[in-house]
C-alpha atoms as a PDB file:
ATOM      1  CA  MET A   1     -51.211  16.881   2.414  1.00  0.00           C
ATOM      2  CA  SER A   2     -51.005  14.616  -0.701  1.00  0.00           C
ATOM      3  CA  GLY A   3     -47.405  14.806  -0.779  1.00  0.00           C
ATOM      4  CA  ASP A   4     -46.782  14.106   2.924  1.00  0.00           C
ATOM      5  CA  THR A   5     -49.907  11.237   2.298  1.00  0.00           C
ATOM      6  CA  ASN A   6     -47.165  10.172  -1.487  1.00  0.00           C
ATOM      7  CA  VAL A   7     -44.164  10.015   1.183  1.00  0.00           C
ATOM      8  CA  ALA A   8     -45.725   8.465   3.659  1.00  0.00           C
ATOM      9  CA  ALA A   9     -46.934   5.776   1.578  1.00  0.00           C
ATOM     10  CA  GLY A  10     -43.234   5.316   0.189  1.00  0.00           C
ATOM     11  CA  GLU A  11     -42.075   4.492   3.124  1.00  0.00           C
ATOM     12  CA  ALA A  12     -44.646   1.870   4.201  1.00  0.00           C
ATOM     13  CA  LYS A  13     -43.952   0.541   1.066  1.00  0.00           C
ATOM     14  CA  GLY A  14     -40.599   0.020   1.922  1.00  0.00           C
ATOM     15  CA  MET A  15     -38.823   2.569  -0.777  1.00  0.00           C
ATOM     16  CA  PRO A  16     -35.213   2.571   0.150  1.00  0.00           C
ATOM     17  CA  LYS A  17     -34.315   5.934   1.679  1.00  0.00           C
ATOM     18  CA  PHE A  18     -31.584   7.635   0.044  1.00  0.00           C
ATOM     19  CA  LYS A  19     -28.692   7.185   2.707  1.00  0.00           C
ATOM     20  CA  ILE A  20     -24.862   8.214   2.879  1.00  0.00           C
ATOM     21  CA  ASP A  21     -22.445   5.351   3.772  1.00  0.00           C
ATOM     22  CA  PHE A  22     -19.689   7.029   5.411  1.00  0.00           C
ATOM     23  CA  ALA A  23     -17.757   3.865   5.800  1.00  0.00           C
ATOM     24  CA  VAL A  24     -17.289   3.898   2.118  1.00  0.00           C
ATOM     25  CA  ALA A  25     -17.241   7.505   1.046  1.00  0.00           C
ATOM     26  CA  GLY A  26     -15.507   8.279   4.191  1.00  0.00           C
ATOM     27  CA  PRO A  27     -12.358   8.465   3.450  1.00  0.00           C
ATOM     28  CA  PHE A  28     -12.988  10.709   0.467  1.00  0.00           C
ATOM     29  CA  LEU A  29     -14.915  12.973   2.293  1.00  0.00           C
ATOM     30  CA  ALA A  30     -11.821  13.268   4.023  1.00  0.00           C
ATOM     31  CA  LEU A  31      -9.721  13.507   1.473  1.00  0.00           C
ATOM     32  CA  VAL A  32     -11.681  16.383   0.251  1.00  0.00           C
ATOM     33  CA  VAL A  33     -11.190  18.134   3.301  1.00  0.00           C
ATOM     34  CA  LEU A  34      -7.852  17.942   3.347  1.00  0.00           C
ATOM     35  CA  PHE A  35      -7.414  19.040   0.227  1.00  0.00           C
ATOM     36  CA  ILE A  36      -9.410  22.434   1.283  1.00  0.00           C
ATOM     37  CA  LEU A  37      -7.907  22.110   4.788  1.00  0.00           C
ATOM     38  CA  GLY A  38      -4.785  22.219   2.740  1.00  0.00           C
ATOM     39  CA  ALA A  39      -5.877  25.383   0.081  1.00  0.00           C
ATOM     40  CA  LEU A  40      -6.351  27.256   2.750  1.00  0.00           C
ATOM     41  CA  ILE A  41      -3.151  27.281   4.497  1.00  0.00           C
ATOM     42  CA  ASN A  42      -1.304  27.468   1.688  1.00  0.00           C
ATOM     43  CA  PRO A  43      -2.030  29.012  -2.074  1.00  0.00           C
ATOM     44  CA  SER A  44       0.468  27.008  -3.295  1.00  0.00           C
ATOM     45  CA  PHE A  45      -0.854  23.574  -1.789  1.00  0.00           C
ATOM     46  CA  MET A  46      -3.186  23.715  -5.444  1.00  0.00           C
ATOM     47  CA  SER A  47      -0.124  23.956  -8.028  1.00  0.00           C
ATOM     48  CA  GLU A  48       0.072  21.836 -10.508  1.00  0.00           C
ATOM     49  CA  GLY A  49       4.106  20.474  -9.281  1.00  0.00           C
ATOM     50  CA  ASN A  50       2.806  20.272  -5.208  1.00  0.00           C
ATOM     51  CA  ILE A  51      -0.571  17.784  -6.850  1.00  0.00           C
ATOM     52  CA  SER A  52       2.111  16.127  -8.972  1.00  0.00           C
ATOM     53  CA  ASN A  53       4.076  15.875  -5.897  1.00  0.00           C
ATOM     54  CA  ILE A  54       1.584  14.405  -4.005  1.00  0.00           C
ATOM     55  CA  LEU A  55       0.948  11.640  -6.039  1.00  0.00           C
ATOM     56  CA  THR A  56       3.630  10.759  -7.334  1.00  0.00           C
ATOM     57  CA  ARG A  57       4.861  10.198  -3.571  1.00  0.00           C
ATOM     58  CA  SER A  58       1.624   8.102  -2.961  1.00  0.00           C
ATOM     59  CA  ALA A  59       2.542   5.917  -5.461  1.00  0.00           C
ATOM     60  CA  PHE A  60       4.897   3.841  -3.448  1.00  0.00           C
ATOM     61  CA  ILE A  61       2.861   3.964  -0.219  1.00  0.00           C
ATOM     62  CA  GLY A  62       0.010   3.161  -2.535  1.00  0.00           C
ATOM     63  CA  ILE A  63       1.480   0.275  -4.685  1.00  0.00           C
ATOM     64  CA  ILE A  64       2.392  -1.563  -0.910  1.00  0.00           C
ATOM     65  CA  ALA A  65      -1.195  -1.117  -0.057  1.00  0.00           C
ATOM     66  CA  VAL A  66      -2.691  -2.607  -2.742  1.00  0.00           C
ATOM     67  CA  GLY A  67      -1.017  -5.692  -1.879  1.00  0.00           C
ATOM     68  CA  ALA A  68      -1.848  -5.515   2.086  1.00  0.00           C
ATOM     69  CA  THR A  69      -5.021  -5.212   0.966  1.00  0.00           C
ATOM     70  CA  PHE A  70      -4.583  -8.563   0.025  1.00  0.00           C
ATOM     71  CA  VAL A  71      -3.156  -9.470   3.023  1.00  0.00           C
ATOM     72  CA  ILE A  72      -5.367  -8.309   5.356  1.00  0.00           C
ATOM     73  CA  THR A  73      -8.210  -9.087   3.687  1.00  0.00           C
ATOM     74  CA  ALA A  74      -7.182 -12.434   3.844  1.00  0.00           C
ATOM     75  CA  GLY A  75      -6.966 -12.492   7.913  1.00  0.00           C
ATOM     76  CA  GLY A  76      -3.009 -11.606   7.657  1.00  0.00           C
ATOM     77  CA  ILE A  77      -0.708  -8.909   8.408  1.00  0.00           C
ATOM     78  CA  ASP A  78       2.590  -8.623   7.196  1.00  0.00           C
ATOM     79  CA  LEU A  79       4.818  -6.107   8.599  1.00  0.00           C
ATOM     80  CA  SER A  80       8.122  -6.114   6.738  1.00  0.00           C
ATOM     81  CA  VAL A  81       7.272  -4.378   4.137  1.00  0.00           C
ATOM     82  CA  GLY A  82       9.292  -1.722   4.433  1.00  0.00           C
ATOM     83  CA  SER A  83      12.205  -3.732   4.756  1.00  0.00           C
ATOM     84  CA  MET A  84      12.169  -5.997   2.136  1.00  0.00           C
ATOM     85  CA  ALA A  85      11.569  -3.273  -0.248  1.00  0.00           C
ATOM     86  CA  ALA A  86      15.003  -1.562   1.652  1.00  0.00           C
ATOM     87  CA  VAL A  87      16.865  -5.251   0.732  1.00  0.00           C
ATOM     88  CA  ILE A  88      15.771  -5.493  -2.741  1.00  0.00           C
ATOM     89  CA  SER A  89      16.594  -1.891  -3.589  1.00  0.00           C
ATOM     90  CA  GLY A  90      20.255  -2.642  -1.807  1.00  0.00           C
ATOM     91  CA  VAL A  91      20.626  -6.201  -4.131  1.00  0.00           C
ATOM     92  CA  MET A  92      19.326  -3.950  -7.295  1.00  0.00           C
ATOM     93  CA  ILE A  93      22.474  -1.224  -6.810  1.00  0.00           C
ATOM     94  CA  ILE A  94      24.745  -3.924  -6.015  1.00  0.00           C
ATOM     95  CA  VAL A  95      23.942  -6.111  -9.385  1.00  0.00           C
ATOM     96  CA  MET A  96      23.766  -3.251 -11.047  1.00  0.00           C
ATOM     97  CA  ASP A  97      26.513  -2.139 -10.694  1.00  0.00           C
ATOM     98  CA  ASN A  98      28.618  -4.965 -11.707  1.00  0.00           C
ATOM     99  CA  LEU A  99      26.927  -5.558 -14.563  1.00  0.00           C
ATOM    100  CA  ILE A 100      28.308  -2.946 -15.677  1.00  0.00           C
ATOM    101  CA  ASP A 101      31.031  -4.380 -16.819  1.00  0.00           C
ATOM    102  CA  THR A 102      29.732  -6.958 -18.848  1.00  0.00           C
ATOM    103  CA  THR A 103      26.515  -5.134 -20.489  1.00  0.00           C
ATOM    104  CA  GLY A 104      26.889  -1.566 -19.323  1.00  0.00           C
ATOM    105  CA  VAL A 105      25.149   1.904 -18.615  1.00  0.00           C
ATOM    106  CA  THR A 106      22.596   0.588 -20.953  1.00  0.00           C
ATOM    107  CA  TRP A 107      18.504  -0.823 -20.441  1.00  0.00           C
ATOM    108  CA  THR A 108      19.442  -4.228 -20.911  1.00  0.00           C
ATOM    109  CA  THR A 109      21.463  -3.992 -17.031  1.00  0.00           C
ATOM    110  CA  ILE A 110      18.340  -2.523 -15.617  1.00  0.00           C
ATOM    111  CA  LEU A 111      15.900  -4.935 -17.446  1.00  0.00           C
ATOM    112  CA  ILE A 112      17.968  -7.144 -15.341  1.00  0.00           C
ATOM    113  CA  GLY A 113      18.217  -5.638 -12.065  1.00  0.00           C
ATOM    114  CA  CYS A 114      13.994  -4.887 -12.318  1.00  0.00           C
ATOM    115  CA  GLY A 115      13.106  -8.886 -12.755  1.00  0.00           C
ATOM    116  CA  LEU A 116      15.442  -9.210  -9.974  1.00  0.00           C
ATOM    117  CA  SER A 117      13.531  -7.649  -7.654  1.00  0.00           C
ATOM    118  CA  VAL A 118      10.595  -8.884  -8.550  1.00  0.00           C
ATOM    119  CA  ALA A 119      12.089 -12.265  -7.926  1.00  0.00           C
ATOM    120  CA  MET A 120      13.258 -11.152  -5.006  1.00  0.00           C
ATOM    121  CA  GLY A 121       9.538  -9.755  -3.895  1.00  0.00           C
ATOM    122  CA  VAL A 122       7.661 -12.946  -4.874  1.00  0.00           C
ATOM    123  CA  GLY A 123      10.354 -15.274  -3.153  1.00  0.00           C
ATOM    124  CA  ALA A 124      10.455 -12.941   0.068  1.00  0.00           C
ATOM    125  CA  GLY A 125       6.361 -12.612  -0.349  1.00  0.00           C
ATOM    126  CA  ALA A 126       6.229 -16.803  -0.993  1.00  0.00           C
ATOM    127  CA  VAL A 127       8.892 -17.485   2.510  1.00  0.00           C
ATOM    128  CA  ASN A 128       5.936 -15.268   4.411  1.00  0.00           C
ATOM    129  CA  GLY A 129       3.557 -17.093   3.615  1.00  0.00           C
ATOM    130  CA  LEU A 130       4.556 -20.658   4.026  1.00  0.00           C
ATOM    131  CA  LEU A 131       6.065 -19.765   6.906  1.00  0.00           C
ATOM    132  CA  THR A 132       2.449 -18.494   8.416  1.00  0.00           C
ATOM    133  CA  THR A 133       0.384 -21.621   6.340  1.00  0.00           C
ATOM    134  CA  ARG A 134       3.060 -24.374   6.558  1.00  0.00           C
ATOM    135  CA  ALA A 135       4.526 -23.968   9.492  1.00  0.00           C
ATOM    136  CA  LYS A 136       1.558 -22.336  10.951  1.00  0.00           C
ATOM    137  CA  ILE A 137       3.240 -19.572  12.424  1.00  0.00           C
ATOM    138  CA  GLU A 138       1.924 -16.098  13.187  1.00  0.00           C
ATOM    139  CA  ALA A 139       1.820 -13.892  10.839  1.00  0.00           C
ATOM    140  CA  PHE A 140       2.622 -11.192  13.064  1.00  0.00           C
ATOM    141  CA  ILE A 141       5.368 -13.202  14.450  1.00  0.00           C
ATOM    142  CA  VAL A 142       7.050 -14.254  10.999  1.00  0.00           C
ATOM    143  CA  THR A 143       6.603 -10.577   9.505  1.00  0.00           C
ATOM    144  CA  LEU A 144       8.223  -9.216  12.172  1.00  0.00           C
ATOM    145  CA  GLY A 145      11.128 -11.573  12.246  1.00  0.00           C
ATOM    146  CA  THR A 146      12.229 -11.886   8.002  1.00  0.00           C
ATOM    147  CA  MET A 147      11.611  -8.099   8.439  1.00  0.00           C
ATOM    148  CA  GLY A 148      14.721  -8.099  11.331  1.00  0.00           C
ATOM    149  CA  ILE A 149      16.349  -9.910   8.395  1.00  0.00           C
ATOM    150  CA  TYR A 150      15.817  -8.241   5.734  1.00  0.00           C
ATOM    151  CA  ARG A 151      16.724  -5.023   7.881  1.00  0.00           C
ATOM    152  CA  SER A 152      19.754  -6.317   8.609  1.00  0.00           C
ATOM    153  CA  LEU A 153      21.145  -7.941   5.440  1.00  0.00           C
ATOM    154  CA  VAL A 154      20.499  -4.187   3.558  1.00  0.00           C
ATOM    155  CA  THR A 155      22.766  -3.076   6.417  1.00  0.00           C
ATOM    156  CA  TYR A 156      25.559  -5.756   5.914  1.00  0.00           C
ATOM    157  CA  PHE A 157      25.851  -5.649   2.362  1.00  0.00           C
ATOM    158  CA  ALA A 158      26.309  -1.301   2.674  1.00  0.00           C
ATOM    159  CA  ASP A 159      28.427  -2.369   5.797  1.00  0.00           C
ATOM    160  CA  GLY A 160      26.531   0.232   8.132  1.00  0.00           C
ATOM    161  CA  GLY A 161      26.332   2.602   4.998  1.00  0.00           C
ATOM    162  CA  THR A 162      24.828   3.653   1.917  1.00  0.00           C
ATOM    163  CA  LEU A 163      25.156   1.166  -1.442  1.00  0.00           C
ATOM    164  CA  SER A 164      25.123   3.803  -4.260  1.00  0.00           C
ATOM    165  CA  LEU A 165      23.941   3.693  -7.815  1.00  0.00           C
ATOM    166  CA  ASP A 166      26.174   4.548 -10.473  1.00  0.00           C
ATOM    167  CA  SER A 167      25.587   7.881 -11.345  1.00  0.00           C
ATOM    168  CA  SER A 168      25.640   6.726 -15.615  1.00  0.00           C
ATOM    169  CA  LEU A 169      22.892   4.252 -15.020  1.00  0.00           C
ATOM    170  CA  ARG A 170      20.874   5.844 -12.251  1.00  0.00           C
ATOM    171  CA  THR A 171      21.203   8.870 -15.079  1.00  0.00           C
ATOM    172  CA  LEU A 172      20.339   6.355 -17.638  1.00  0.00           C
ATOM    173  CA  TYR A 173      17.258   4.847 -15.158  1.00  0.00           C
ATOM    174  CA  ARG A 174      15.927   8.294 -14.114  1.00  0.00           C
ATOM    175  CA  PRO A 175      12.979   8.215 -16.031  1.00  0.00           C
ATOM    176  CA  ALA A 176      11.758   5.900 -14.564  1.00  0.00           C
ATOM    177  CA  TYR A 177      10.704   7.841 -11.566  1.00  0.00           C
ATOM    178  CA  TYR A 178      11.140  11.237 -13.392  1.00  0.00           C
ATOM    179  CA  GLY A 179       9.686  10.911 -16.613  1.00  0.00           C
ATOM    180  CA  SER A 180       5.836  11.270 -17.595  1.00  0.00           C
ATOM    181  CA  VAL A 181       3.705   9.290 -20.147  1.00  0.00           C
ATOM    182  CA  LEU A 182       0.861  11.575 -21.465  1.00  0.00           C
ATOM    183  CA  GLY A 183       1.857  14.499 -18.475  1.00  0.00           C
ATOM    184  CA  ILE A 184       1.386  11.509 -15.448  1.00  0.00           C
ATOM    185  CA  PRO A 185       4.110  10.891 -13.709  1.00  0.00           C
ATOM    186  CA  VAL A 186       5.329   7.485 -14.014  1.00  0.00           C
ATOM    187  CA  PRO A 187       5.088   6.805 -10.725  1.00  0.00           C
ATOM    188  CA  VAL A 188       1.456   7.576 -10.912  1.00  0.00           C
ATOM    189  CA  VAL A 189       0.970   5.457 -13.529  1.00  0.00           C
ATOM    190  CA  VAL A 190       2.325   2.390 -12.360  1.00  0.00           C
ATOM    191  CA  PHE A 191      -0.125   2.799  -9.359  1.00  0.00           C
ATOM    192  CA  ILE A 192      -3.006   3.390 -11.264  1.00  0.00           C
ATOM    193  CA  LEU A 193      -2.342   0.186 -13.205  1.00  0.00           C
ATOM    194  CA  VAL A 194      -2.319  -1.297  -9.979  1.00  0.00           C
ATOM    195  CA  ALA A 195      -5.143  -0.052  -8.446  1.00  0.00           C
ATOM    196  CA  ILE A 196      -7.232  -1.454 -11.608  1.00  0.00           C
ATOM    197  CA  VAL A 197      -5.822  -4.863 -11.254  1.00  0.00           C
ATOM    198  CA  GLY A 198      -6.037  -4.756  -7.585  1.00  0.00           C
ATOM    199  CA  TRP A 199      -9.750  -4.044  -7.500  1.00  0.00           C
ATOM    200  CA  VAL A 200     -10.583  -6.691 -10.546  1.00  0.00           C
ATOM    201  CA  VAL A 201      -8.916  -9.592  -8.642  1.00  0.00           C
ATOM    202  CA  LEU A 202     -10.288  -8.803  -5.336  1.00  0.00           C
ATOM    203  CA  ASN A 203     -13.421  -7.503  -6.691  1.00  0.00           C
ATOM    204  CA  ARG A 204     -14.310  -9.842  -9.724  1.00  0.00           C
ATOM    205  CA  THR A 205     -12.443 -12.778  -9.537  1.00  0.00           C
ATOM    206  CA  ALA A 206     -12.851 -16.088  -7.258  1.00  0.00           C
ATOM    207  CA  PHE A 207      -9.581 -15.724  -6.327  1.00  0.00           C
ATOM    208  CA  GLY A 208     -10.648 -11.942  -4.303  1.00  0.00           C
ATOM    209  CA  ARG A 209     -14.099 -14.094  -3.158  1.00  0.00           C
ATOM    210  CA  HIS A 210     -11.967 -16.704  -1.579  1.00  0.00           C
ATOM    211  CA  CYS A 211      -9.744 -14.218   0.115  1.00  0.00           C
ATOM    212  CA  LEU A 212     -13.104 -12.904   1.802  1.00  0.00           C
ATOM    213  CA  ALA A 213     -14.154 -15.751   2.648  1.00  0.00           C
ATOM    214  CA  ILE A 214     -11.111 -17.064   4.450  1.00  0.00           C
ATOM    215  CA  GLY A 215     -10.760 -13.582   6.296  1.00  0.00           C
ATOM    216  CA  SER A 216     -14.256 -13.626   7.662  1.00  0.00           C
ATOM    217  CA  ASN A 217     -14.128 -17.091   8.995  1.00  0.00           C
ATOM    218  CA  GLU A 218     -11.718 -19.613   7.628  1.00  0.00           C
ATOM    219  CA  ALA A 219     -12.852 -23.069   8.963  1.00  0.00           C
ATOM    220  CA  VAL A 220     -15.752 -22.402   7.296  1.00  0.00           C
ATOM    221  CA  ALA A 221     -14.044 -21.035   4.021  1.00  0.00           C
ATOM    222  CA  LYS A 222     -11.749 -24.729   4.582  1.00  0.00           C
ATOM    223  CA  TYR A 223     -15.222 -26.440   4.652  1.00  0.00           C
ATOM    224  CA  SER A 224     -16.119 -25.141   1.009  1.00  0.00           C
ATOM    225  CA  ALA A 225     -13.553 -26.725  -0.497  1.00  0.00           C
ATOM    226  CA  ILE A 226     -11.236 -23.663  -0.168  1.00  0.00           C
ATOM    227  CA  LYS A 227      -7.728 -24.174  -0.727  1.00  0.00           C
ATOM    228  CA  VAL A 228      -6.940 -21.857   2.505  1.00  0.00           C
ATOM    229  CA  ASP A 229      -3.532 -22.460   2.747  1.00  0.00           C
ATOM    230  CA  ARG A 230      -3.004 -21.958  -0.586  1.00  0.00           C
ATOM    231  CA  VAL A 231      -4.551 -18.315  -1.317  1.00  0.00           C
ATOM    232  CA  LYS A 232      -3.882 -16.840   2.242  1.00  0.00           C
ATOM    233  CA  THR A 233       0.236 -17.914   0.738  1.00  0.00           C
ATOM    234  CA  ALA A 234      -1.078 -16.386  -2.592  1.00  0.00           C
ATOM    235  CA  THR A 235      -2.008 -12.632  -1.039  1.00  0.00           C
ATOM    236  CA  TYR A 236       1.628 -13.032   0.759  1.00  0.00           C
ATOM    237  CA  ILE A 237       3.270 -13.714  -2.867  1.00  0.00           C
ATOM    238  CA  ILE A 238       1.193 -10.567  -4.196  1.00  0.00           C
ATOM    239  CA  GLN A 239       2.456  -8.229  -1.548  1.00  0.00           C
ATOM    240  CA  GLY A 240       5.698  -9.186  -2.543  1.00  0.00           C
ATOM    241  CA  LEU A 241       5.482  -8.503  -6.289  1.00  0.00           C
ATOM    242  CA  CYS A 242       3.809  -4.938  -4.921  1.00  0.00           C
ATOM    243  CA  VAL A 243       6.968  -4.261  -2.806  1.00  0.00           C
ATOM    244  CA  SER A 244       9.566  -5.131  -5.716  1.00  0.00           C
ATOM    245  CA  LEU A 245       7.562  -2.801  -8.183  1.00  0.00           C
ATOM    246  CA  ALA A 246       7.082  -0.129  -5.837  1.00  0.00           C
ATOM    247  CA  THR A 247      10.839  -0.457  -5.544  1.00  0.00           C
ATOM    248  CA  ILE A 248      12.036  -0.666  -9.244  1.00  0.00           C
ATOM    249  CA  ILE A 249       9.893   2.777  -8.654  1.00  0.00           C
ATOM    250  CA  TYR A 250      11.488   3.799  -5.996  1.00  0.00           C
ATOM    251  CA  VAL A 251      15.569   3.399  -7.105  1.00  0.00           C
ATOM    252  CA  PRO A 252      15.840   6.282  -8.964  1.00  0.00           C
ATOM    253  CA  ARG A 253      14.659   8.525  -6.521  1.00  0.00           C
ATOM    254  CA  LEU A 254      17.429   8.489  -4.763  1.00  0.00           C
ATOM    255  CA  GLY A 255      19.552   6.328  -6.644  1.00  0.00           C
ATOM    256  CA  SER A 256      20.774   4.503  -2.943  1.00  0.00           C
ATOM    257  CA  ALA A 257      19.753   2.392  -0.331  1.00  0.00           C
ATOM    258  CA  SER A 258      20.524   1.798   3.134  1.00  0.00           C
ATOM    259  CA  ALA A 259      19.589   0.872   6.872  1.00  0.00           C
ATOM    260  CA  SER A 260      16.541   3.606   6.274  1.00  0.00           C
ATOM    261  CA  THR A 261      15.644   3.208   3.089  1.00  0.00           C
ATOM    262  CA  GLY A 262      11.917   2.368   3.301  1.00  0.00           C
ATOM    263  CA  VAL A 263      11.751   2.701   7.620  1.00  0.00           C
ATOM    264  CA  LEU A 264       7.877   2.964   8.302  1.00  0.00           C
ATOM    265  CA  TRP A 265       6.189   1.824   5.083  1.00  0.00           C
ATOM    266  CA  GLU A 266       4.701  -0.515   6.861  1.00  0.00           C
ATOM    267  CA  LEU A 267       2.866   1.425   9.366  1.00  0.00           C
ATOM    268  CA  GLU A 268       1.882   3.939   6.026  1.00  0.00           C
ATOM    269  CA  ALA A 269       0.832   0.908   4.360  1.00  0.00           C
ATOM    270  CA  ILE A 270      -1.073  -0.561   7.278  1.00  0.00           C
ATOM    271  CA  ALA A 271      -2.176   3.248   8.176  1.00  0.00           C
ATOM    272  CA  ALA A 272      -3.638   3.434   4.059  1.00  0.00           C
ATOM    273  CA  VAL A 273      -5.179   0.117   4.151  1.00  0.00           C
ATOM    274  CA  ILE A 274      -6.960   0.617   7.340  1.00  0.00           C
ATOM    275  CA  ILE A 275      -7.946   4.489   7.027  1.00  0.00           C
ATOM    276  CA  GLY A 276      -9.642   2.471   2.825  1.00  0.00           C
ATOM    277  CA  GLY A 277     -12.016   0.887   5.132  1.00  0.00           C
ATOM    278  CA  THR A 278     -10.650  -2.964   5.021  1.00  0.00           C
ATOM    279  CA  ILE A 279     -11.236  -4.678   8.252  1.00  0.00           C
ATOM    280  CA  LEU A 280      -8.318  -5.167   9.839  1.00  0.00           C
ATOM    281  CA  LYS A 281      -9.156  -8.371  11.456  1.00  0.00           C
ATOM    282  CA  GLY A 282     -10.544  -9.712   7.768  1.00  0.00           C
ATOM    283  CA  GLY A 283     -12.855 -10.266   5.449  1.00  0.00           C
ATOM    284  CA  TYR A 284     -13.898  -7.349   4.075  1.00  0.00           C
ATOM    285  CA  GLY A 285     -11.318  -5.012   2.100  1.00  0.00           C
ATOM    286  CA  ARG A 286     -11.237  -2.036  -0.879  1.00  0.00           C
ATOM    287  CA  VAL A 287      -8.534  -0.985  -2.850  1.00  0.00           C
ATOM    288  CA  GLY A 288     -10.441   2.120  -3.902  1.00  0.00           C
ATOM    289  CA  GLY A 289     -10.120   3.057  -0.269  1.00  0.00           C
ATOM    290  CA  SER A 290      -6.356   1.393   0.282  1.00  0.00           C
ATOM    291  CA  VAL A 291      -5.466   4.124  -3.229  1.00  0.00           C
ATOM    292  CA  VAL A 292      -7.370   7.094  -1.529  1.00  0.00           C
ATOM    293  CA  GLY A 293      -5.616   6.259   1.896  1.00  0.00           C
ATOM    294  CA  ALA A 294      -2.635   6.195   0.462  1.00  0.00           C
ATOM    295  CA  ILE A 295      -3.333   9.281  -0.822  1.00  0.00           C
ATOM    296  CA  LEU A 296      -4.633  10.813   2.134  1.00  0.00           C
ATOM    297  CA  LEU A 297      -1.955   9.974   4.016  1.00  0.00           C
ATOM    298  CA  THR A 298       0.902  11.810   1.843  1.00  0.00           C
ATOM    299  CA  THR A 299      -1.483  14.628   1.609  1.00  0.00           C
ATOM    300  CA  ILE A 300      -1.478  15.412   5.743  1.00  0.00           C
ATOM    301  CA  GLY A 301       2.337  14.781   4.980  1.00  0.00           C
ATOM    302  CA  ASN A 302       2.473  17.878   2.491  1.00  0.00           C
ATOM    303  CA  ILE A 303      -0.042  19.479   4.452  1.00  0.00           C
ATOM    304  CA  LEU A 304       2.683  19.626   7.782  1.00  0.00           C
ATOM    305  CA  ASN A 305       5.406  20.966   5.065  1.00  0.00           C
ATOM    306  CA  LEU A 306       3.826  23.572   4.737  1.00  0.00           C
ATOM    307  CA  THR A 307       2.541  25.297   7.945  1.00  0.00           C
ATOM    308  CA  ASP A 308       4.219  25.296  11.171  1.00  0.00           C
ATOM    309  CA  ILE A 309       1.144  24.353  13.744  1.00  0.00           C
ATOM    310  CA  ILE A 310       2.655  20.936  13.942  1.00  0.00           C
ATOM    311  CA  SER A 311       6.127  20.043  14.122  1.00  0.00           C
ATOM    312  CA  ASN A 312       6.834  17.589  10.401  1.00  0.00           C
ATOM    313  CA  TYR A 313       8.590  15.232  12.563  1.00  0.00           C
ATOM    314  CA  LEU A 314       5.905  14.120  14.229  1.00  0.00           C
ATOM    315  CA  ASN A 315       4.360  12.653  11.028  1.00  0.00           C
ATOM    316  CA  GLY A 316       5.006   9.276  12.510  1.00  0.00           C
ATOM    317  CA  ALA A 317       2.649  10.061  15.220  1.00  0.00           C
ATOM    318  CA  VAL A 318      -0.130  11.298  13.123  1.00  0.00           C
ATOM    319  CA  GLN A 319      -0.220   8.790  11.115  1.00  0.00           C
ATOM    320  CA  GLY A 320       0.002   6.400  14.861  1.00  0.00           C
ATOM    321  CA  VAL A 321      -3.333   8.096  16.042  1.00  0.00           C
ATOM    322  CA  ILE A 322      -5.250   8.082  12.808  1.00  0.00           C
ATOM    323  CA  ILE A 323      -4.944   3.984  12.502  1.00  0.00           C
ATOM    324  CA  VAL A 324      -5.938   4.326  16.275  1.00  0.00           C
ATOM    325  CA  VAL A 325      -9.044   6.195  15.394  1.00  0.00           C
ATOM    326  CA  ALA A 326      -9.637   4.595  12.206  1.00  0.00           C
ATOM    327  CA  VAL A 327      -9.605   0.691  13.590  1.00  0.00           C
ATOM    328  CA  TRP A 328     -12.319   2.525  17.106  1.00  0.00           C
ATOM    329  CA  LEU A 329     -14.804   3.642  14.240  1.00  0.00           C
ATOM    330  CA  GLN A 330     -14.804   0.339  12.386  1.00  0.00           C
ATOM    331  CA  ARG A 331     -15.092  -1.502  15.917  1.00  0.00           C
ATOM    332  CA  GLY A 332     -18.268   1.612  16.256  1.00  0.00           C
ATOM    333  CA  SER A 333     -19.543   0.876  12.482  1.00  0.00           C
ATOM    334  CA  TRP A 334     -19.314  -3.323  12.429  1.00  0.00           C
ATOM    335  CA  ARG A 335     -21.299  -3.516  15.860  1.00  0.00           C
ATOM    336  CA  LYS A 336     -23.896  -1.306  14.531  1.00  0.00           C
ATOM    337  CA  THR A 337     -24.030  -3.105  11.939  1.00  0.00           C
ATOM    338  CA  ALA A 338     -24.240  -6.304  13.861  1.00  0.00           C
ATOM    339  CA  LYS A 339     -26.743  -4.846  16.069  1.00  0.00           C
ATOM    340  CA  SER A 340     -29.534  -3.784  13.224  1.00  0.00           C
END
């Protein structure tokens, strides 16, 4: 009786109840369930090689998703990231191949290509941002247009075929994808560093708070003396930078670029962000959730490769369903919050 009395007294005094926030924990729980499912379907799923493969393949979309978290949190959208990655890859390969006669098969050639990648990513992001903020064109329209432009450019550069990196240069460049640091694959190391920096910027800086404020209510943010156009443009620049970093570690993987490079990356990046808990309409973002979302999507694809239950060709369909369900769950969650 005394125990029941103490509990009742505690509740009366307003003591906080232990409650799991499924909006935050949901992606993590889903990932755990997927790993259990994968292990039951195929024992080799939990092998060190397969887990390393999942994390490495997650790195590309995960890095891009970190940038997308900023854009979406501030109320924007970027549909051009896959095409942007394709054209950056193509230009990198063209420039590096042409530099061999001057700088040779050296890391100088590769570093110049990497520097060009960063410059192009930042520039492309700035174009998207300025057209959205200064020209006052909807972000959906701007990035839909640049998506088509970038995809057409890489097709033109490749003359409808494939651009290939010089084999000797690719051999030198391979460690950027296939190498490791303390046993951790290089792409995963880059992914971790980008995620940490992204989390700090979004959650521990004035810029991050401004992104949240703008996404919540842009008009109020303007009255609060926040430089809305500058912050929103900066989010697209961050997105472009993340695309360039993902491209730098992607090029040595295949050593080529074509019109099919980066196809559906925008879908996967947005899906990772939404699955991770970032609100599509803006105002709330979770970099950690986006990281988990990227790994979750790659895990789904990996499981489809290990089983015949669902064709791997339906991976895009599965991702589309996940996006719709995630947004629907978000709406329900926020409605409950608003009512309470």
